[in-house]
Amino acid sequence: QVQLAESGGGLVPAGDSLSLSCAASGRTADLYAMGWFRQAPGKEREFVASISWKGGITYYDDSVKGRFTISRDTAKNTLYLQMYSLKPDDTAVYYCAGGSNWSPPPYDFDDWGQGTQVTVSS
């Protein structure tokens, strides 16, 4: 399995930016894809973005397209999410996810981090 640890969350005003990181360990050589999900209070967990590990092909939910950028550093086994022009609706716990088996885009995921809180004030 792959162990995942998110970091970088915080409290920011609307319009500000944040960068999240996710450090992967364990069987990272088998990683096929990684992604970000988020869950706001009282709402279901939703897809944010994903990326193929080797090719770097990215996918985004429409709600964040043009504002968020997902990237990865394979040498460091680290996933990133750069968030710009943050809105109060972006407030959620953000989870890092990893998938070690082939799956079609935007990919399936088997391992999950503990989450990091992002709060955007109005």
PDB file of N, CA and C in Angstrom:
ATOM      1  N   GLN A   1       0.820  -1.170   0.000  1.00  0.00           N
ATOM      2  CA  GLN A   1       0.000   0.000   0.000  1.00  0.00           C
ATOM      3  C   GLN A   1       0.874   1.246   0.000  1.00  0.00           C
ATOM      4  N   VAL A   2       0.211   2.391  -0.186  1.00  0.00           N
ATOM      5  CA  VAL A   2       0.871   3.684  -0.173  1.00  0.00           C
ATOM      6  C   VAL A   2       0.322   4.482   0.997  1.00  0.00           C
ATOM      7  N   GLN A   3       1.222   5.060   1.771  1.00  0.00           N
ATOM      8  CA  GLN A   3       0.829   5.944   2.859  1.00  0.00           C
ATOM      9  C   GLN A   3       0.907   7.388   2.373  1.00  0.00           C
ATOM     10  N   LEU A   4      -0.082   8.193   2.753  1.00  0.00           N
ATOM     11  CA  LEU A   4      -0.195   9.559   2.265  1.00  0.00           C
ATOM     12  C   LEU A   4      -0.367  10.517   3.430  1.00  0.00           C
ATOM     13  N   ALA A   5       0.304  11.662   3.351  1.00  0.00           N
ATOM     14  CA  ALA A   5       0.241  12.660   4.407  1.00  0.00           C
ATOM     15  C   ALA A   5       0.118  14.049   3.791  1.00  0.00           C
ATOM     16  N   GLU A   6      -1.027  14.701   4.011  1.00  0.00           N
ATOM     17  CA  GLU A   6      -1.264  16.039   3.480  1.00  0.00           C
ATOM     18  C   GLU A   6      -0.721  17.097   4.426  1.00  0.00           C
ATOM     19  N   SER A   7      -0.404  18.257   3.860  1.00  0.00           N
ATOM     20  CA  SER A   7       0.009  19.406   4.644  1.00  0.00           C
ATOM     21  C   SER A   7      -0.278  20.671   3.850  1.00  0.00           C
ATOM     22  N   GLY A   8      -0.312  21.807   4.537  1.00  0.00           N
ATOM     23  CA  GLY A   8      -0.446  23.091   3.873  1.00  0.00           C
ATOM     24  C   GLY A   8      -1.774  23.790   4.052  1.00  0.00           C
ATOM     25  N   GLY A   9      -2.736  23.155   4.705  1.00  0.00           N
ATOM     26  CA  GLY A   9      -4.019  23.790   4.917  1.00  0.00           C
ATOM     27  C   GLY A   9      -3.919  24.963   5.873  1.00  0.00           C
ATOM     28  N   GLY A  10      -4.980  25.767   5.911  1.00  0.00           N
ATOM     29  CA  GLY A  10      -4.992  26.912   6.787  1.00  0.00           C
ATOM     30  C   GLY A  10      -6.220  27.764   6.597  1.00  0.00           C
ATOM     31  N   LEU A  11      -6.228  28.908   7.270  1.00  0.00           N
ATOM     32  CA  LEU A  11      -7.316  29.880   7.204  1.00  0.00           C
ATOM     33  C   LEU A  11      -6.844  31.074   6.397  1.00  0.00           C
ATOM     34  N   VAL A  12      -7.564  31.382   5.313  1.00  0.00           N
ATOM     35  CA  VAL A  12      -7.185  32.486   4.428  1.00  0.00           C
ATOM     36  C   VAL A  12      -8.418  33.274   4.026  1.00  0.00           C
ATOM     37  N   PRO A  13      -8.252  34.547   3.685  1.00  0.00           N
ATOM     38  CA  PRO A  13      -9.393  35.336   3.196  1.00  0.00           C
ATOM     39  C   PRO A  13      -9.711  34.993   1.749  1.00  0.00           C
ATOM     40  N   ALA A  14     -10.945  35.258   1.353  1.00  0.00           N
ATOM     41  CA  ALA A  14     -11.346  35.042  -0.028  1.00  0.00           C
ATOM     42  C   ALA A  14     -10.436  35.805  -0.974  1.00  0.00           C
ATOM     43  N   GLY A  15     -10.095  35.168  -2.083  1.00  0.00           N
ATOM     44  CA  GLY A  15      -9.202  35.758  -3.059  1.00  0.00           C
ATOM     45  C   GLY A  15      -7.746  35.405  -2.857  1.00  0.00           C
ATOM     46  N   ASP A  16      -7.416  34.829  -1.729  1.00  0.00           N
ATOM     47  CA  ASP A  16      -6.043  34.460  -1.410  1.00  0.00           C
ATOM     48  C   ASP A  16      -5.678  33.125  -2.057  1.00  0.00           C
ATOM     49  N   SER A  17      -4.464  32.688  -1.831  1.00  0.00           N
ATOM     50  CA  SER A  17      -3.954  31.450  -2.405  1.00  0.00           C
ATOM     51  C   SER A  17      -3.383  30.542  -1.334  1.00  0.00           C
ATOM     52  N   LEU A  18      -3.387  29.255  -1.608  1.00  0.00           N
ATOM     53  CA  LEU A  18      -2.794  28.249  -0.742  1.00  0.00           C
ATOM     54  C   LEU A  18      -2.208  27.145  -1.606  1.00  0.00           C
ATOM     55  N   SER A  19      -1.173  26.513  -1.104  1.00  0.00           N
ATOM     56  CA  SER A  19      -0.595  25.351  -1.759  1.00  0.00           C
ATOM     57  C   SER A  19      -0.599  24.177  -0.801  1.00  0.00           C
ATOM     58  N   LEU A  20      -1.167  23.070  -1.230  1.00  0.00           N
ATOM     59  CA  LEU A  20      -1.202  21.855  -0.445  1.00  0.00           C
ATOM     60  C   LEU A  20      -0.169  20.880  -0.968  1.00  0.00           C
ATOM     61  N   SER A  21       0.366  20.069  -0.072  1.00  0.00           N
ATOM     62  CA  SER A  21       1.318  19.032  -0.439  1.00  0.00           C
ATOM     63  C   SER A  21       0.853  17.703   0.117  1.00  0.00           C
ATOM     64  N   CYS A  22       1.252  16.642  -0.543  1.00  0.00           N
ATOM     65  CA  CYS A  22       0.952  15.289  -0.101  1.00  0.00           C
ATOM     66  C   CYS A  22       2.184  14.437  -0.311  1.00  0.00           C
ATOM     67  N   ALA A  23       2.756  13.966   0.777  1.00  0.00           N
ATOM     68  CA  ALA A  23       3.935  13.111   0.718  1.00  0.00           C
ATOM     69  C   ALA A  23       3.511  11.652   0.703  1.00  0.00           C
ATOM     70  N   ALA A  24       3.983  10.913  -0.278  1.00  0.00           N
ATOM     71  CA  ALA A  24       3.658   9.503  -0.419  1.00  0.00           C
ATOM     72  C   ALA A  24       4.845   8.641  -0.020  1.00  0.00           C
ATOM     73  N   SER A  25       4.557   7.554   0.658  1.00  0.00           N
ATOM     74  CA  SER A  25       5.589   6.601   1.043  1.00  0.00           C
ATOM     75  C   SER A  25       5.035   5.190   0.908  1.00  0.00           C
ATOM     76  N   GLY A  26       5.900   4.207   1.047  1.00  0.00           N
ATOM     77  CA  GLY A  26       5.493   2.829   0.862  1.00  0.00           C
ATOM     78  C   GLY A  26       5.787   2.369  -0.555  1.00  0.00           C
ATOM     79  N   ARG A  27       4.822   1.713  -1.172  1.00  0.00           N
ATOM     80  CA  ARG A  27       4.999   1.172  -2.516  1.00  0.00           C
ATOM     81  C   ARG A  27       4.754   2.235  -3.583  1.00  0.00           C
ATOM     82  N   THR A  28       5.536   3.312  -3.506  1.00  0.00           N
ATOM     83  CA  THR A  28       5.351   4.422  -4.443  1.00  0.00           C
ATOM     84  C   THR A  28       5.754   4.066  -5.867  1.00  0.00           C
ATOM     85  N   ALA A  29       6.590   3.052  -6.036  1.00  0.00           N
ATOM     86  CA  ALA A  29       6.999   2.646  -7.381  1.00  0.00           C
ATOM     87  C   ALA A  29       5.824   2.138  -8.197  1.00  0.00           C
ATOM     88  N   ASP A  30       4.761   1.721  -7.532  1.00  0.00           N
ATOM     89  CA  ASP A  30       3.594   1.189  -8.221  1.00  0.00           C
ATOM     90  C   ASP A  30       2.502   2.224  -8.452  1.00  0.00           C
ATOM     91  N   LEU A  31       2.735   3.467  -8.080  1.00  0.00           N
ATOM     92  CA  LEU A  31       1.720   4.504  -8.251  1.00  0.00           C
ATOM     93  C   LEU A  31       1.363   4.688  -9.719  1.00  0.00           C
ATOM     94  N   TYR A  32       0.069   4.704  -9.994  1.00  0.00           N
ATOM     95  CA  TYR A  32      -0.423   4.955 -11.330  1.00  0.00           C
ATOM     96  C   TYR A  32      -1.009   6.361 -11.446  1.00  0.00           C
ATOM     97  N   ALA A  33      -1.667   6.815 -10.381  1.00  0.00           N
ATOM     98  CA  ALA A  33      -2.283   8.132 -10.396  1.00  0.00           C
ATOM     99  C   ALA A  33      -2.462   8.631  -8.970  1.00  0.00           C
ATOM    100  N   MET A  34      -2.567   9.941  -8.837  1.00  0.00           N
ATOM    101  CA  MET A  34      -2.881  10.544  -7.557  1.00  0.00           C
ATOM    102  C   MET A  34      -3.918  11.635  -7.767  1.00  0.00           C
ATOM    103  N   GLY A  35      -4.589  11.989  -6.688  1.00  0.00           N
ATOM    104  CA  GLY A  35      -5.636  12.981  -6.822  1.00  0.00           C
ATOM    105  C   GLY A  35      -5.953  13.686  -5.524  1.00  0.00           C
ATOM    106  N   TRP A  36      -6.792  14.690  -5.644  1.00  0.00           N
ATOM    107  CA  TRP A  36      -7.290  15.455  -4.505  1.00  0.00           C
ATOM    108  C   TRP A  36      -8.806  15.404  -4.474  1.00  0.00           C
ATOM    109  N   PHE A  37      -9.342  15.202  -3.292  1.00  0.00           N
ATOM    110  CA  PHE A  37     -10.770  15.265  -3.035  1.00  0.00           C
ATOM    111  C   PHE A  37     -11.005  16.226  -1.879  1.00  0.00           C
ATOM    112  N   ARG A  38     -12.245  16.666  -1.710  1.00  0.00           N
ATOM    113  CA  ARG A  38     -12.555  17.531  -0.585  1.00  0.00           C
ATOM    114  C   ARG A  38     -13.954  17.234  -0.069  1.00  0.00           C
ATOM    115  N   GLN A  39     -14.153  17.533   1.200  1.00  0.00           N
ATOM    116  CA  GLN A  39     -15.443  17.328   1.825  1.00  0.00           C
ATOM    117  C   GLN A  39     -15.751  18.509   2.734  1.00  0.00           C
ATOM    118  N   ALA A  40     -16.814  19.220   2.411  1.00  0.00           N
ATOM    119  CA  ALA A  40     -17.270  20.343   3.214  1.00  0.00           C
ATOM    120  C   ALA A  40     -18.233  19.845   4.281  1.00  0.00           C
ATOM    121  N   PRO A  41     -18.404  20.599   5.367  1.00  0.00           N
ATOM    122  CA  PRO A  41     -19.332  20.180   6.425  1.00  0.00           C
ATOM    123  C   PRO A  41     -20.738  19.938   5.889  1.00  0.00           C
ATOM    124  N   GLY A  42     -21.289  18.785   6.217  1.00  0.00           N
ATOM    125  CA  GLY A  42     -22.635  18.451   5.797  1.00  0.00           C
ATOM    126  C   GLY A  42     -22.785  18.073   4.340  1.00  0.00           C
ATOM    127  N   LYS A  43     -21.691  17.920   3.622  1.00  0.00           N
ATOM    128  CA  LYS A  43     -21.745  17.596   2.204  1.00  0.00           C
ATOM    129  C   LYS A  43     -20.957  16.326   1.915  1.00  0.00           C
ATOM    130  N   GLU A  44     -21.208  15.746   0.757  1.00  0.00           N
ATOM    131  CA  GLU A  44     -20.500  14.550   0.336  1.00  0.00           C
ATOM    132  C   GLU A  44     -19.104  14.895  -0.151  1.00  0.00           C
ATOM    133  N   ARG A  45     -18.213  13.926  -0.060  1.00  0.00           N
ATOM    134  CA  ARG A  45     -16.877  14.112  -0.583  1.00  0.00           C
ATOM    135  C   ARG A  45     -16.939  14.225  -2.105  1.00  0.00           C
ATOM    136  N   GLU A  46     -16.186  15.166  -2.659  1.00  0.00           N
ATOM    137  CA  GLU A  46     -16.224  15.403  -4.087  1.00  0.00           C
ATOM    138  C   GLU A  46     -14.828  15.419  -4.691  1.00  0.00           C
ATOM    139  N   PHE A  47     -14.763  15.052  -5.952  1.00  0.00           N
ATOM    140  CA  PHE A  47     -13.529  15.061  -6.713  1.00  0.00           C
ATOM    141  C   PHE A  47     -13.090  16.484  -6.990  1.00  0.00           C
ATOM    142  N   VAL A  48     -11.790  16.729  -6.866  1.00  0.00           N
ATOM    143  CA  VAL A  48     -11.222  18.042  -7.158  1.00  0.00           C
ATOM    144  C   VAL A  48     -10.331  17.985  -8.394  1.00  0.00           C
ATOM    145  N   ALA A  49      -9.324  17.122  -8.362  1.00  0.00           N
ATOM    146  CA  ALA A  49      -8.373  17.025  -9.463  1.00  0.00           C
ATOM    147  C   ALA A  49      -7.602  15.720  -9.362  1.00  0.00           C
ATOM    148  N   SER A  50      -7.051  15.266 -10.478  1.00  0.00           N
ATOM    149  CA  SER A  50      -6.231  14.072 -10.489  1.00  0.00           C
ATOM    150  C   SER A  50      -5.139  14.207 -11.535  1.00  0.00           C
ATOM    151  N   ILE A  51      -4.128  13.348 -11.426  1.00  0.00           N
ATOM    152  CA  ILE A  51      -2.995  13.399 -12.334  1.00  0.00           C
ATOM    153  C   ILE A  51      -2.411  12.007 -12.492  1.00  0.00           C
ATOM    154  N   SER A  52      -2.064  11.625 -13.717  1.00  0.00           N
ATOM    155  CA  SER A  52      -1.361  10.369 -13.917  1.00  0.00           C
ATOM    156  C   SER A  52       0.068  10.530 -13.431  1.00  0.00           C
ATOM    157  N   TRP A  53       0.576   9.495 -12.773  1.00  0.00           N
ATOM    158  CA  TRP A  53       1.862   9.639 -12.098  1.00  0.00           C
ATOM    159  C   TRP A  53       3.029   9.784 -13.064  1.00  0.00           C
ATOM    160  N   LYS A  54       3.032   8.994 -14.120  1.00  0.00           N
ATOM    161  CA  LYS A  54       4.137   9.029 -15.068  1.00  0.00           C
ATOM    162  C   LYS A  54       3.984  10.128 -16.115  1.00  0.00           C
ATOM    163  N   GLY A  55       2.809  10.238 -16.692  1.00  0.00           N
ATOM    164  CA  GLY A  55       2.618  11.173 -17.786  1.00  0.00           C
ATOM    165  C   GLY A  55       2.238  12.579 -17.377  1.00  0.00           C
ATOM    166  N   GLY A  56       1.711  12.753 -16.163  1.00  0.00           N
ATOM    167  CA  GLY A  56       1.323  14.069 -15.704  1.00  0.00           C
ATOM    168  C   GLY A  56       0.067  14.618 -16.362  1.00  0.00           C
ATOM    169  N   ILE A  57      -0.786  13.754 -16.881  1.00  0.00           N
ATOM    170  CA  ILE A  57      -2.038  14.193 -17.475  1.00  0.00           C
ATOM    171  C   ILE A  57      -3.011  14.558 -16.363  1.00  0.00           C
ATOM    172  N   THR A  58      -3.626  15.720 -16.470  1.00  0.00           N
ATOM    173  CA  THR A  58      -4.436  16.257 -15.383  1.00  0.00           C
ATOM    174  C   THR A  58      -5.909  16.311 -15.726  1.00  0.00           C
ATOM    175  N   TYR A  59      -6.729  16.248 -14.678  1.00  0.00           N
ATOM    176  CA  TYR A  59      -8.179  16.356 -14.789  1.00  0.00           C
ATOM    177  C   TYR A  59      -8.671  17.198 -13.626  1.00  0.00           C
ATOM    178  N   TYR A  60      -9.694  18.023 -13.888  1.00  0.00           N
ATOM    179  CA  TYR A  60     -10.215  18.934 -12.882  1.00  0.00           C
ATOM    180  C   TYR A  60     -11.727  18.917 -12.875  1.00  0.00           C
ATOM    181  N   ASP A  61     -12.271  19.088 -11.687  1.00  0.00           N
ATOM    182  CA  ASP A  61     -13.688  19.366 -11.593  1.00  0.00           C
ATOM    183  C   ASP A  61     -13.947  20.785 -12.093  1.00  0.00           C
ATOM    184  N   ASP A  62     -15.100  21.002 -12.695  1.00  0.00           N
ATOM    185  CA  ASP A  62     -15.415  22.312 -13.251  1.00  0.00           C
ATOM    186  C   ASP A  62     -15.388  23.424 -12.201  1.00  0.00           C
ATOM    187  N   SER A  63     -15.658  23.088 -10.959  1.00  0.00           N
ATOM    188  CA  SER A  63     -15.720  24.096  -9.916  1.00  0.00           C
ATOM    189  C   SER A  63     -14.360  24.712  -9.601  1.00  0.00           C
ATOM    190  N   VAL A  64     -13.274  24.030  -9.971  1.00  0.00           N
ATOM    191  CA  VAL A  64     -11.934  24.528  -9.669  1.00  0.00           C
ATOM    192  C   VAL A  64     -11.101  24.765 -10.917  1.00  0.00           C
ATOM    193  N   LYS A  65     -11.603  24.399 -12.065  1.00  0.00           N
ATOM    194  CA  LYS A  65     -10.850  24.541 -13.309  1.00  0.00           C
ATOM    195  C   LYS A  65     -10.498  26.009 -13.543  1.00  0.00           C
ATOM    196  N   GLY A  66      -9.228  26.254 -13.825  1.00  0.00           N
ATOM    197  CA  GLY A  66      -8.747  27.608 -14.032  1.00  0.00           C
ATOM    198  C   GLY A  66      -8.265  28.286 -12.779  1.00  0.00           C
ATOM    199  N   ARG A  67      -8.582  27.737 -11.607  1.00  0.00           N
ATOM    200  CA  ARG A  67      -8.148  28.314 -10.337  1.00  0.00           C
ATOM    201  C   ARG A  67      -7.154  27.423  -9.601  1.00  0.00           C
ATOM    202  N   PHE A  68      -7.292  26.115  -9.757  1.00  0.00           N
ATOM    203  CA  PHE A  68      -6.424  25.154  -9.074  1.00  0.00           C
ATOM    204  C   PHE A  68      -5.506  24.484 -10.081  1.00  0.00           C
ATOM    205  N   THR A  69      -4.313  24.130  -9.638  1.00  0.00           N
ATOM    206  CA  THR A  69      -3.363  23.396 -10.465  1.00  0.00           C
ATOM    207  C   THR A  69      -2.823  22.209  -9.685  1.00  0.00           C
ATOM    208  N   ILE A  70      -2.983  21.016 -10.241  1.00  0.00           N
ATOM    209  CA  ILE A  70      -2.432  19.819  -9.632  1.00  0.00           C
ATOM    210  C   ILE A  70      -1.112  19.491 -10.328  1.00  0.00           C
ATOM    211  N   SER A  71      -0.134  19.069  -9.555  1.00  0.00           N
ATOM    212  CA  SER A  71       1.163  18.696 -10.108  1.00  0.00           C
ATOM    213  C   SER A  71       1.806  17.657  -9.207  1.00  0.00           C
ATOM    214  N   ARG A  72       2.881  17.067  -9.688  1.00  0.00           N
ATOM    215  CA  ARG A  72       3.574  16.086  -8.873  1.00  0.00           C
ATOM    216  C   ARG A  72       5.068  16.119  -9.164  1.00  0.00           C
ATOM    217  N   ASP A  73       5.854  15.704  -8.187  1.00  0.00           N
ATOM    218  CA  ASP A  73       7.289  15.541  -8.307  1.00  0.00           C
ATOM    219  C   ASP A  73       7.564  14.072  -8.049  1.00  0.00           C
ATOM    220  N   THR A  74       7.777  13.311  -9.105  1.00  0.00           N
ATOM    221  CA  THR A  74       7.946  11.869  -8.956  1.00  0.00           C
ATOM    222  C   THR A  74       9.215  11.518  -8.183  1.00  0.00           C
ATOM    223  N   ALA A  75      10.266  12.329  -8.326  1.00  0.00           N
ATOM    224  CA  ALA A  75      11.505  12.069  -7.613  1.00  0.00           C
ATOM    225  C   ALA A  75      11.329  12.218  -6.110  1.00  0.00           C
ATOM    226  N   LYS A  76      10.430  13.101  -5.702  1.00  0.00           N
ATOM    227  CA  LYS A  76      10.171  13.333  -4.282  1.00  0.00           C
ATOM    228  C   LYS A  76       8.937  12.603  -3.778  1.00  0.00           C
ATOM    229  N   ASN A  77       8.257  11.890  -4.671  1.00  0.00           N
ATOM    230  CA  ASN A  77       7.017  11.197  -4.304  1.00  0.00           C
ATOM    231  C   ASN A  77       6.037  12.144  -3.620  1.00  0.00           C
ATOM    232  N   THR A  78       5.873  13.305  -4.215  1.00  0.00           N
ATOM    233  CA  THR A  78       5.051  14.341  -3.618  1.00  0.00           C
ATOM    234  C   THR A  78       4.039  14.873  -4.621  1.00  0.00           C
ATOM    235  N   LEU A  79       2.825  15.054  -4.155  1.00  0.00           N
ATOM    236  CA  LEU A  79       1.730  15.619  -4.930  1.00  0.00           C
ATOM    237  C   LEU A  79       1.429  17.017  -4.415  1.00  0.00           C
ATOM    238  N   TYR A  80       1.052  17.919  -5.317  1.00  0.00           N
ATOM    239  CA  TYR A  80       0.770  19.301  -4.949  1.00  0.00           C
ATOM    240  C   TYR A  80      -0.587  19.741  -5.483  1.00  0.00           C
ATOM    241  N   LEU A  81      -1.179  20.684  -4.791  1.00  0.00           N
ATOM    242  CA  LEU A  81      -2.365  21.363  -5.273  1.00  0.00           C
ATOM    243  C   LEU A  81      -2.198  22.848  -4.995  1.00  0.00           C
ATOM    244  N   GLN A  82      -2.029  23.626  -6.044  1.00  0.00           N
ATOM    245  CA  GLN A  82      -1.924  25.067  -5.935  1.00  0.00           C
ATOM    246  C   GLN A  82      -3.304  25.665  -6.164  1.00  0.00           C
ATOM    247  N   MET A  83      -3.780  26.418  -5.189  1.00  0.00           N
ATOM    248  CA  MET A  83      -5.121  26.963  -5.216  1.00  0.00           C
ATOM    249  C   MET A  83      -5.038  28.485  -5.253  1.00  0.00           C
ATOM    250  N   TYR A  84      -5.703  29.085  -6.228  1.00  0.00           N
ATOM    251  CA  TYR A  84      -5.726  30.527  -6.407  1.00  0.00           C
ATOM    252  C   TYR A  84      -7.166  31.023  -6.359  1.00  0.00           C
ATOM    253  N   SER A  85      -7.314  32.315  -6.097  1.00  0.00           N
ATOM    254  CA  SER A  85      -8.633  32.945  -6.087  1.00  0.00           C
ATOM    255  C   SER A  85      -9.626  32.139  -5.264  1.00  0.00           C
ATOM    256  N   LEU A  86      -9.234  31.814  -4.067  1.00  0.00           N
ATOM    257  CA  LEU A  86     -10.055  30.964  -3.212  1.00  0.00           C
ATOM    258  C   LEU A  86     -11.372  31.632  -2.852  1.00  0.00           C
ATOM    259  N   LYS A  87     -12.406  30.824  -2.779  1.00  0.00           N
ATOM    260  CA  LYS A  87     -13.750  31.265  -2.444  1.00  0.00           C
ATOM    261  C   LYS A  87     -14.199  30.592  -1.152  1.00  0.00           C
ATOM    262  N   PRO A  88     -15.155  31.186  -0.441  1.00  0.00           N
ATOM    263  CA  PRO A  88     -15.682  30.514   0.750  1.00  0.00           C
ATOM    264  C   PRO A  88     -16.202  29.105   0.461  1.00  0.00           C
ATOM    265  N   ASP A  89     -16.724  28.868  -0.738  1.00  0.00           N
ATOM    266  CA  ASP A  89     -17.212  27.543  -1.097  1.00  0.00           C
ATOM    267  C   ASP A  89     -16.097  26.515  -1.229  1.00  0.00           C
ATOM    268  N   ASP A  90     -14.852  26.960  -1.261  1.00  0.00           N
ATOM    269  CA  ASP A  90     -13.723  26.039  -1.284  1.00  0.00           C
ATOM    270  C   ASP A  90     -13.405  25.482   0.101  1.00  0.00           C
ATOM    271  N   THR A  91     -14.040  26.015   1.123  1.00  0.00           N
ATOM    272  CA  THR A  91     -13.809  25.549   2.488  1.00  0.00           C
ATOM    273  C   THR A  91     -14.175  24.077   2.614  1.00  0.00           C
ATOM    274  N   ALA A  92     -13.222  23.271   3.049  1.00  0.00           N
ATOM    275  CA  ALA A  92     -13.431  21.833   3.161  1.00  0.00           C
ATOM    276  C   ALA A  92     -12.181  21.190   3.742  1.00  0.00           C
ATOM    277  N   VAL A  93     -12.316  19.928   4.106  1.00  0.00           N
ATOM    278  CA  VAL A  93     -11.154  19.103   4.386  1.00  0.00           C
ATOM    279  C   VAL A  93     -10.693  18.516   3.060  1.00  0.00           C
ATOM    280  N   TYR A  94      -9.446  18.719   2.742  1.00  0.00           N
ATOM    281  CA  TYR A  94      -8.889  18.246   1.481  1.00  0.00           C
ATOM    282  C   TYR A  94      -8.101  16.966   1.716  1.00  0.00           C
ATOM    283  N   TYR A  95      -8.408  15.939   0.915  1.00  0.00           N
ATOM    284  CA  TYR A  95      -7.794  14.631   1.045  1.00  0.00           C
ATOM    285  C   TYR A  95      -6.947  14.304  -0.170  1.00  0.00           C
ATOM    286  N   CYS A  96      -5.797  13.743   0.084  1.00  0.00           N
ATOM    287  CA  CYS A  96      -4.923  13.220  -0.950  1.00  0.00           C
ATOM    288  C   CYS A  96      -5.256  11.757  -1.185  1.00  0.00           C
ATOM    289  N   ALA A  97      -5.218  11.320  -2.433  1.00  0.00           N
ATOM    290  CA  ALA A  97      -5.537   9.946  -2.778  1.00  0.00           C
ATOM    291  C   ALA A  97      -4.506   9.384  -3.747  1.00  0.00           C
ATOM    292  N   GLY A  98      -4.240   8.090  -3.621  1.00  0.00           N
ATOM    293  CA  GLY A  98      -3.314   7.406  -4.504  1.00  0.00           C
ATOM    294  C   GLY A  98      -3.920   6.144  -5.076  1.00  0.00           C
ATOM    295  N   GLY A  99      -3.608   5.859  -6.332  1.00  0.00           N
ATOM    296  CA  GLY A  99      -4.068   4.651  -6.994  1.00  0.00           C
ATOM    297  C   GLY A  99      -2.896   3.879  -7.569  1.00  0.00           C
ATOM    298  N   SER A 100      -2.830   2.588  -7.277  1.00  0.00           N
ATOM    299  CA  SER A 100      -1.707   1.756  -7.709  1.00  0.00           C
ATOM    300  C   SER A 100      -2.087   0.765  -8.796  1.00  0.00           C
ATOM    301  N   ASN A 101      -3.325   0.780  -9.231  1.00  0.00           N
ATOM    302  CA  ASN A 101      -3.790  -0.098 -10.295  1.00  0.00           C
ATOM    303  C   ASN A 101      -4.255   0.719 -11.485  1.00  0.00           C
ATOM    304  N   TRP A 102      -4.123   0.144 -12.682  1.00  0.00           N
ATOM    305  CA  TRP A 102      -4.594   0.849 -13.863  1.00  0.00           C
ATOM    306  C   TRP A 102      -6.097   1.130 -13.760  1.00  0.00           C
ATOM    307  N   SER A 103      -6.502   2.300 -14.206  1.00  0.00           N
ATOM    308  CA  SER A 103      -7.897   2.659 -14.285  1.00  0.00           C
ATOM    309  C   SER A 103      -8.042   3.773 -15.305  1.00  0.00           C
ATOM    310  N   PRO A 104      -9.219   3.909 -15.895  1.00  0.00           N
ATOM    311  CA  PRO A 104      -9.397   4.974 -16.882  1.00  0.00           C
ATOM    312  C   PRO A 104      -9.467   6.338 -16.205  1.00  0.00           C
ATOM    313  N   PRO A 105      -9.138   7.399 -16.920  1.00  0.00           N
ATOM    314  CA  PRO A 105      -9.250   8.748 -16.359  1.00  0.00           C
ATOM    315  C   PRO A 105     -10.683   9.041 -15.958  1.00  0.00           C
ATOM    316  N   PRO A 106     -10.883   9.799 -14.887  1.00  0.00           N
ATOM    317  CA  PRO A 106      -9.915  10.465 -14.014  1.00  0.00           C
ATOM    318  C   PRO A 106      -9.324   9.597 -12.921  1.00  0.00           C
ATOM    319  N   TYR A 107      -9.369   8.269 -13.096  1.00  0.00           N
ATOM    320  CA  TYR A 107      -8.660   7.288 -12.274  1.00  0.00           C
ATOM    321  C   TYR A 107      -9.408   6.878 -11.017  1.00  0.00           C
ATOM    322  N   ASP A 108      -9.020   5.713 -10.516  1.00  0.00           N
ATOM    323  CA  ASP A 108      -9.548   5.180  -9.267  1.00  0.00           C
ATOM    324  C   ASP A 108      -8.459   5.219  -8.212  1.00  0.00           C
ATOM    325  N   PHE A 109      -8.872   5.227  -6.944  1.00  0.00           N
ATOM    326  CA  PHE A 109      -7.915   5.403  -5.858  1.00  0.00           C
ATOM    327  C   PHE A 109      -8.150   4.393  -4.745  1.00  0.00           C
ATOM    328  N   ASP A 110      -7.054   3.905  -4.188  1.00  0.00           N
ATOM    329  CA  ASP A 110      -7.091   2.868  -3.166  1.00  0.00           C
ATOM    330  C   ASP A 110      -6.643   3.354  -1.796  1.00  0.00           C
ATOM    331  N   ASP A 111      -5.799   4.360  -1.760  1.00  0.00           N
ATOM    332  CA  ASP A 111      -5.220   4.840  -0.515  1.00  0.00           C
ATOM    333  C   ASP A 111      -5.553   6.307  -0.302  1.00  0.00           C
ATOM    334  N   TRP A 112      -5.735   6.665   0.969  1.00  0.00           N
ATOM    335  CA  TRP A 112      -6.179   8.012   1.308  1.00  0.00           C
ATOM    336  C   TRP A 112      -5.387   8.585   2.472  1.00  0.00           C
ATOM    337  N   GLY A 113      -5.175   9.887   2.441  1.00  0.00           N
ATOM    338  CA  GLY A 113      -4.552  10.562   3.561  1.00  0.00           C
ATOM    339  C   GLY A 113      -5.568  10.927   4.628  1.00  0.00           C
ATOM    340  N   GLN A 114      -5.091  11.558   5.677  1.00  0.00           N
ATOM    341  CA  GLN A 114      -5.947  11.936   6.800  1.00  0.00           C
ATOM    342  C   GLN A 114      -6.707  13.225   6.553  1.00  0.00           C
ATOM    343  N   GLY A 115      -6.251  14.033   5.621  1.00  0.00           N
ATOM    344  CA  GLY A 115      -6.922  15.274   5.292  1.00  0.00           C
ATOM    345  C   GLY A 115      -6.275  16.485   5.936  1.00  0.00           C
ATOM    346  N   THR A 116      -6.439  17.631   5.302  1.00  0.00           N
ATOM    347  CA  THR A 116      -5.975  18.897   5.843  1.00  0.00           C
ATOM    348  C   THR A 116      -7.065  19.944   5.638  1.00  0.00           C
ATOM    349  N   GLN A 117      -7.309  20.748   6.664  1.00  0.00           N
ATOM    350  CA  GLN A 117      -8.413  21.700   6.647  1.00  0.00           C
ATOM    351  C   GLN A 117      -8.037  22.964   5.886  1.00  0.00           C
ATOM    352  N   VAL A 118      -8.892  23.361   4.962  1.00  0.00           N
ATOM    353  CA  VAL A 118      -8.782  24.636   4.267  1.00  0.00           C
ATOM    354  C   VAL A 118     -10.033  25.439   4.579  1.00  0.00           C
ATOM    355  N   THR A 119      -9.858  26.613   5.155  1.00  0.00           N
ATOM    356  CA  THR A 119     -10.976  27.481   5.490  1.00  0.00           C
ATOM    357  C   THR A 119     -10.783  28.826   4.809  1.00  0.00           C
ATOM    358  N   VAL A 120     -11.776  29.249   4.039  1.00  0.00           N
ATOM    359  CA  VAL A 120     -11.726  30.512   3.311  1.00  0.00           C
ATOM    360  C   VAL A 120     -12.809  31.417   3.870  1.00  0.00           C
ATOM    361  N   SER A 121     -12.413  32.534   4.432  1.00  0.00           N
ATOM    362  CA  SER A 121     -13.357  33.472   5.021  1.00  0.00           C
ATOM    363  C   SER A 121     -13.847  34.458   3.973  1.00  0.00           C
ATOM    364  N   SER A 122     -15.045  34.977   4.183  1.00  0.00           N
ATOM    365  CA  SER A 122     -15.638  35.919   3.252  1.00  0.00           C
ATOM    366  C   SER A 122     -15.253  37.343   3.588  1.00  0.00           C
TER     367      SER A 122
END
